[in-house]
Protein backbone atom coordinates (compact mmCIF):
# COMPACT_ATOMS: atom_id res chain seq x y z
CA MET A 1 13.30 15.77 0.93
CA PRO A 2 12.47 12.52 -0.39
CA ILE A 3 13.04 9.94 2.67
CA LEU A 4 13.99 7.03 -0.06
CA GLU A 5 15.07 7.71 -3.23
CA ILE A 6 16.00 5.20 -5.42
CA ASN A 7 17.35 5.51 -9.38
CA ASN A 8 17.99 3.00 -12.13
CA LEU A 9 17.82 -0.08 -9.52
CA THR A 10 19.09 -3.29 -11.67
CA LYS A 11 18.95 -6.72 -10.12
CA ILE A 12 19.79 -9.52 -12.65
CA TYR A 13 20.32 -12.79 -10.77
CA ASN A 14 23.35 -14.77 -12.98
CA GLY A 15 22.91 -18.92 -13.47
CA GLY A 16 26.09 -18.58 -14.97
CA VAL A 17 24.71 -18.43 -18.56
CA LYS A 18 23.33 -15.89 -19.89
CA LYS A 19 20.50 -17.11 -21.27
CA ASN A 20 19.65 -18.62 -17.94
CA GLU A 21 19.53 -14.91 -17.06
CA ILE A 22 16.77 -13.74 -14.96
CA LYS A 23 16.05 -9.74 -14.36
CA ALA A 24 14.51 -9.57 -11.33
CA LEU A 25 14.47 -5.11 -11.29
CA ASP A 26 14.76 -3.08 -14.78
CA ASP A 27 16.06 0.00 -14.17
CA PHE A 28 13.49 0.98 -11.87
CA SER A 29 13.08 4.50 -10.18
CA LEU A 30 10.80 5.64 -7.30
CA LYS A 31 10.78 8.63 -4.68
CA ILE A 32 8.90 8.17 -0.91
CA GLU A 33 7.96 11.02 0.83
CA GLU A 34 8.77 10.68 4.78
CA GLY A 35 5.26 10.45 6.97
CA THR A 36 3.17 8.69 4.43
CA ILE A 37 1.89 5.35 3.74
CA PHE A 38 3.32 3.59 0.56
CA GLY A 39 2.06 0.71 -1.21
CA LEU A 40 4.02 -1.51 -3.53
CA LEU A 41 1.98 -3.68 -5.21
CA GLY A 42 2.89 -6.14 -7.93
CA GLN A 43 2.96 -10.47 -8.78
CA ASN A 44 4.68 -12.84 -7.26
CA GLY A 45 8.08 -12.85 -8.80
CA ALA A 46 7.41 -9.19 -9.96
CA GLY A 47 10.55 -8.26 -7.97
CA LYS A 48 9.13 -6.06 -5.12
CA THR A 49 11.29 -8.87 -2.94
CA THR A 50 14.06 -7.88 -4.28
CA LEU A 51 13.73 -4.78 -4.13
CA ILE A 52 13.07 -4.42 -0.32
CA LYS A 53 16.14 -7.32 -0.04
CA ILE A 54 18.58 -4.63 -1.66
CA LEU A 55 16.82 -1.81 -0.02
CA LEU A 56 17.67 -3.48 4.02
CA GLY A 57 21.39 -4.20 2.59
CA ILE A 58 20.26 -8.24 2.20
CA THR A 59 21.27 -8.08 -1.67
CA PHE A 60 22.98 -5.79 -3.54
CA PRO A 61 21.72 -4.70 -6.75
CA THR A 62 23.53 -5.16 -10.40
CA LYS A 63 23.53 -1.28 -10.67
CA GLY A 64 21.81 2.25 -9.90
CA THR A 65 22.26 3.28 -6.43
CA PHE A 66 19.40 3.83 -3.92
CA ARG A 67 19.23 6.23 -0.90
CA ILE A 68 17.70 6.52 2.83
CA PHE A 69 17.26 9.23 4.94
CA ASP A 70 19.63 11.87 3.92
CA SER A 71 22.73 11.23 1.69
CA ASN A 72 24.85 11.62 4.92
CA THR A 73 23.77 8.58 6.41
CA SER A 74 25.12 5.22 5.80
CA LEU A 75 23.06 2.15 5.10
CA GLU A 76 24.90 0.46 8.69
CA GLU A 77 23.37 3.79 10.10
CA ALA A 78 19.92 3.51 8.04
CA LYS A 79 19.73 -0.03 9.39
CA MET A 80 19.10 1.50 12.86
CA LYS A 81 16.48 3.41 11.53
CA ILE A 82 14.63 0.57 10.11
CA GLY A 83 11.77 -1.54 11.38
CA TYR A 84 11.33 -5.19 9.27
CA LEU A 85 8.52 -7.64 9.34
CA PRO A 86 9.11 -9.90 6.70
CA GLU A 87 6.94 -12.58 4.59
CA ASN A 88 5.88 -15.77 6.33
CA HIS A 89 8.28 -14.52 9.69
CA LYS A 90 9.28 -17.51 12.26
CA PHE A 91 10.24 -16.98 15.48
CA PRO A 92 11.64 -20.41 17.73
CA ASN A 93 8.40 -22.20 19.14
CA PHE A 94 10.61 -22.73 22.51
CA LEU A 95 10.61 -18.54 23.53
CA THR A 96 7.23 -16.60 24.96
CA GLY A 97 6.16 -13.53 23.45
CA ASN A 98 8.31 -11.52 25.57
CA GLU A 99 11.25 -13.37 24.93
CA VAL A 100 10.99 -12.80 21.36
CA LEU A 101 10.68 -8.69 22.71
CA LYS A 102 13.78 -9.07 24.66
CA TYR A 103 16.31 -10.88 21.93
CA PHE A 104 15.02 -8.34 19.20
CA GLY A 105 15.33 -5.30 21.86
CA MET A 106 18.98 -6.09 22.95
CA MET A 107 19.84 -6.80 19.09
CA SER A 108 18.48 -3.11 18.81
CA GLY A 109 20.54 -1.94 21.28
CA LEU A 110 17.82 -1.57 23.95
CA SER A 111 18.25 -2.97 27.76
CA GLY A 112 16.90 -3.08 30.97
CA LYS A 113 14.34 -1.18 32.48
CA SER A 114 13.66 0.65 29.24
CA LEU A 115 13.26 -2.48 27.43
CA GLU A 116 11.18 -4.52 29.24
CA LEU A 117 9.07 -1.01 28.87
CA LYS A 118 9.19 -1.15 25.10
CA ILE A 119 8.34 -5.22 25.48
CA SER A 120 4.89 -3.69 27.28
CA GLU A 121 4.26 -0.61 25.59
CA MET A 122 4.31 -3.07 21.95
CA LEU A 123 2.82 -5.87 23.75
CA GLU A 124 -0.48 -3.60 23.58
CA LEU A 125 0.26 -1.63 21.06
CA VAL A 126 -0.29 -4.45 19.08
CA ASP A 127 -3.64 -6.53 21.68
CA MET A 128 -1.16 -9.19 22.71
CA THR A 129 -0.56 -8.38 26.00
CA LYS A 130 -1.96 -11.59 27.96
CA TRP A 131 -0.28 -13.46 25.67
CA GLY A 132 3.39 -12.24 26.11
CA LYS A 133 4.09 -14.93 28.79
CA THR A 134 2.82 -17.54 25.98
CA LYS A 135 5.23 -19.64 23.84
CA VAL A 136 4.39 -18.88 20.40
CA LYS A 137 4.05 -22.48 19.41
CA VAL A 138 0.13 -22.12 19.97
CA TYR A 139 0.43 -18.46 18.83
CA SER A 140 -2.06 -18.78 15.66
CA LYS A 141 -0.91 -17.22 12.19
CA GLY A 142 -2.59 -13.75 13.02
CA MET A 143 -1.39 -13.69 16.42
CA MET A 144 2.40 -14.65 14.64
CA GLN A 145 1.31 -11.28 12.63
CA ARG A 146 0.85 -9.72 15.60
CA LEU A 147 3.58 -10.08 17.23
CA GLY A 148 6.16 -9.66 14.13
CA LEU A 149 4.70 -6.29 14.13
CA ALA A 150 5.82 -5.42 17.80
CA GLN A 151 9.40 -6.26 16.80
CA ALA A 152 9.90 -4.37 13.73
CA LEU A 153 8.73 -1.70 15.49
CA ILE A 154 10.48 -2.03 19.42
CA HIS A 155 13.28 0.63 18.51
CA ASP A 156 11.00 3.32 17.85
CA PRO A 157 12.29 3.11 14.11
CA GLN A 158 11.45 6.08 11.06
CA LEU A 159 11.54 4.02 8.26
CA ILE A 160 9.18 0.77 8.10
CA PHE A 161 8.89 -1.94 5.43
CA LEU A 162 5.97 -4.47 6.30
CA ASP A 163 6.08 -7.31 4.14
CA GLU A 164 2.23 -8.83 4.06
CA PRO A 165 1.33 -7.62 8.12
CA THR A 166 -2.55 -8.48 7.66
CA ASP A 167 -1.60 -11.75 6.31
CA GLY A 168 -3.44 -14.30 8.34
CA VAL A 169 -5.42 -12.04 10.24
CA ASP A 170 -9.33 -11.63 10.77
CA PRO A 171 -11.31 -9.11 9.33
CA ILE A 172 -11.63 -7.17 13.05
CA GLY A 173 -7.66 -7.82 13.53
CA ARG A 174 -7.02 -6.27 9.63
CA LYS A 175 -9.15 -2.85 10.74
CA GLU A 176 -6.90 -2.70 14.12
CA ILE A 177 -3.15 -2.97 12.12
CA ARG A 178 -5.00 -0.77 9.76
CA ASN A 179 -5.48 1.94 12.88
CA LEU A 180 -2.11 1.01 14.13
CA LEU A 181 0.00 2.12 10.51
CA ILE A 182 -2.35 5.43 10.60
CA LEU A 183 -1.27 6.06 13.76
CA LEU A 184 2.09 5.63 12.91
CA LYS A 185 1.98 7.93 10.10
CA GLU A 186 0.21 10.31 12.62
CA LYS A 187 3.06 9.95 14.39
CA GLY A 188 5.67 11.30 11.25
CA LYS A 189 7.15 7.42 10.83
CA THR A 190 6.76 6.08 7.06
CA ILE A 191 5.59 2.96 5.61
CA PHE A 192 6.26 0.65 3.10
CA LEU A 193 3.97 -2.02 2.96
CA ASN A 194 4.08 -4.69 0.72
CA SER A 195 0.51 -6.37 0.55
CA HIS A 196 -1.62 -8.92 -2.29
CA LEU A 197 -4.70 -7.78 -0.08
CA LEU A 198 -5.57 -4.75 -2.47
CA SER A 199 -8.80 -3.77 -0.40
CA GLU A 200 -6.41 -3.43 2.45
CA VAL A 201 -3.72 -1.17 -0.08
CA GLU A 202 -6.61 0.93 -1.04
CA LEU A 203 -7.41 1.85 2.45
CA VAL A 204 -5.19 3.61 3.82
CA THR A 205 -1.21 3.97 1.53
CA ASP A 206 -1.24 7.68 0.35
CA HIS A 207 0.85 6.81 -2.70
CA ILE A 208 1.05 4.01 -4.67
CA ALA A 209 3.93 1.88 -7.28
CA ILE A 210 2.62 -0.95 -9.56
CA MET A 211 5.47 -3.10 -10.89
CA ASN A 212 5.71 -5.92 -13.81
CA ARG A 213 8.53 -8.03 -14.12
CA GLY A 214 10.88 -5.67 -12.21
CA LYS A 215 9.50 -2.83 -13.82
CA LEU A 216 7.81 0.68 -12.38
CA ILE A 217 4.51 0.38 -14.99
CA LYS A 218 2.46 2.61 -12.81
CA GLU A 219 2.29 5.36 -9.84
CA GLY A 220 0.39 7.84 -7.94
CA ASN A 221 -2.39 8.40 -5.09
CA VAL A 222 -5.48 5.70 -4.49
CA LEU A 223 -7.76 8.83 -6.11
CA GLU A 224 -5.55 8.90 -9.51
CA LEU A 225 -5.56 5.62 -10.06
CA THR A 226 -8.52 4.56 -8.94
CA LYS A 227 -10.72 7.06 -10.57
CA LYS A 228 -12.77 6.30 -14.06
CA GLU A 229 -12.62 9.32 -16.14
CA GLU A 230 -15.58 11.41 -17.30
CA VAL A 231 -18.45 8.80 -15.55
CA TYR A 232 -20.35 10.69 -12.79
CA ASN A 233 -23.48 9.35 -10.87
CA ILE A 234 -25.63 12.09 -10.31
CA ILE A 235 -28.61 12.17 -7.79
CA LEU A 236 -31.73 14.08 -8.36
CA ASP A 237 -35.08 15.20 -6.88
CA VAL A 238 -37.21 14.35 -9.28
CA ASN A 239 -36.75 11.14 -12.60
CA LEU A 240 -35.90 13.26 -15.39
CA GLU A 241 -37.73 11.78 -18.04
CA GLU A 242 -41.20 12.64 -16.07
CA LEU A 243 -40.27 16.07 -16.43
CA PHE A 244 -38.47 16.41 -19.90
CA GLY A 245 -39.19 12.86 -21.70
CA GLU A 246 -37.23 10.25 -22.55
CA HIS A 247 -35.06 11.68 -25.22
CA TYR A 248 -33.70 14.05 -22.72
CA LEU A 249 -31.68 11.28 -21.22
CA THR A 250 -29.84 10.28 -24.77
CA ASN A 251 -29.65 13.86 -25.97
CA ASN A 252 -27.11 14.63 -22.69
CA SER A 253 -25.30 11.23 -22.41
CA LEU A 254 -27.45 10.77 -19.20
CA SER A 255 -28.37 7.04 -18.81
CA LYS A 256 -30.95 6.33 -15.03
CA VAL A 257 -29.05 3.48 -13.59
CA ALA A 258 -32.25 4.02 -10.00
CA ASP A 259 -35.00 6.07 -8.94
CA ARG A 260 -33.76 9.61 -9.11
CA THR A 261 -30.26 8.24 -9.93
CA TYR A 262 -28.52 8.56 -13.33
CA THR A 263 -24.67 8.21 -14.63
CA ILE A 264 -23.64 10.26 -17.30
CA ARG A 265 -20.93 10.07 -19.91
CA VAL A 266 -18.76 13.21 -20.66
CA GLN A 267 -15.73 14.36 -22.79
CA ASP A 268 -14.45 16.56 -20.22
CA SER A 269 -15.33 18.34 -16.75
CA SER A 270 -16.34 21.79 -19.03
CA GLU A 271 -19.10 19.56 -20.52
CA PHE A 272 -20.11 18.17 -16.97
CA ASN A 273 -20.16 21.73 -15.82
CA LEU A 274 -22.51 22.67 -18.46
CA LEU A 275 -25.00 20.10 -17.81
CA ILE A 276 -24.90 21.01 -14.42
CA ASP A 277 -25.86 24.52 -15.13
CA LYS A 278 -28.28 23.12 -17.32
CA LEU A 279 -30.29 21.40 -15.09
CA ARG A 280 -30.17 23.44 -12.14
CA ALA A 281 -31.49 26.56 -14.81
CA SER A 282 -34.55 24.25 -15.37
CA GLY A 283 -35.17 23.93 -11.48
CA VAL A 284 -34.00 20.49 -10.67
CA THR A 285 -32.62 20.17 -7.51
CA ILE A 286 -29.09 18.29 -7.43
CA LYS A 287 -28.99 16.46 -4.29
CA GLU A 288 -25.66 14.37 -4.68
CA PHE A 289 -22.95 13.70 -7.95
CA SER A 290 -19.86 11.59 -7.36
CA GLN A 291 -17.19 10.53 -10.59
CA GLN A 292 -17.23 6.68 -10.44
CA LYS A 293 -14.11 5.12 -9.39
CA ASN A 294 -12.71 1.30 -10.39
CA SER A 295 -11.71 -0.62 -7.62
CA LEU A 296 -7.82 -0.79 -7.28
CA GLU A 297 -7.79 -4.48 -7.96
CA ASP A 298 -9.98 -3.55 -11.27
CA ILE A 299 -6.34 -0.67 -12.35
CA PHE A 300 -3.67 -3.52 -10.87
CA ILE A 301 -5.14 -6.27 -13.24
CA SER A 302 -5.73 -3.99 -16.43
CA LEU A 303 -2.28 -2.33 -16.17
CA VAL A 304 -0.52 -5.54 -15.77
CA ASN A 305 -2.23 -7.32 -18.19
CA GLU A 306 -1.51 -4.51 -20.99
CA ALA A 307 2.19 -4.36 -19.62
CA GLU A 308 2.08 -8.73 -20.40
CA LYS A 309 0.46 -7.78 -23.79
CA GLY A 310 3.37 -5.10 -24.87
CA ILE A 311 6.44 -7.99 -23.22
CA SER A 312 4.43 -10.09 -25.99
CA LYS A 313 4.44 -8.06 -28.89
């Protein structure tokens, strides 16, 4: 059973006049499986934040429904099992890191020795132990992100919403956060990740949804979305043109890209397998082959542009 199921959510912001209505979500449906890292992608204004606010009970849909955890869990009960790191979060400058986590821990029902132990555990988890007694007014953006992650995790939530968790974090810090997300997944947590850093999303997510103007336009796992159909790279132990002549490349839809390295464009995988069999029968050793991939950024831009063209028609 999915941990989160969204059915036909629509959200219309009404400025008092019908022509000024803004449809932030448009019949949006989605399922997220438990124990996965899910990535939500979209341009600014695509409806990502509105969706998260509805799921957290901060605002309400115009129509449609959603279910978090099981059907017997009320939204208030669900909130106790949810962690949330908002984008551009702020903490009072006069508080230390320890005090920030104590404040959020107490709001989550923690207290006493167990809260103190949890604060120490969270600071260590996000590599902020030595900064716990320092006021947040001197924290860098990256340090604020780490502290924000700690507050989102302090009550051991099952479902964690992270809005731009690596914003302002240096490359080493981003890798550490990726490792943390994978660790949380291994512990059975479900992570709902919203990020503009598509390369980061590509590295860590199990499933991705792309939205545009409130609509879901594509979803799938990273491999499904980024593979480039019917284009393969192959590395051999010989140069084919030296063995069979230049015409062999043309006749078999091969293009040379480097020494003993070629690309092949075929209609389907069966045609590719026939070429592989033909090469092996000729005594050629295939050292490596792989299907070409687009980057997630390429796919994202292409899908959004296509959706925009459909709207403008």
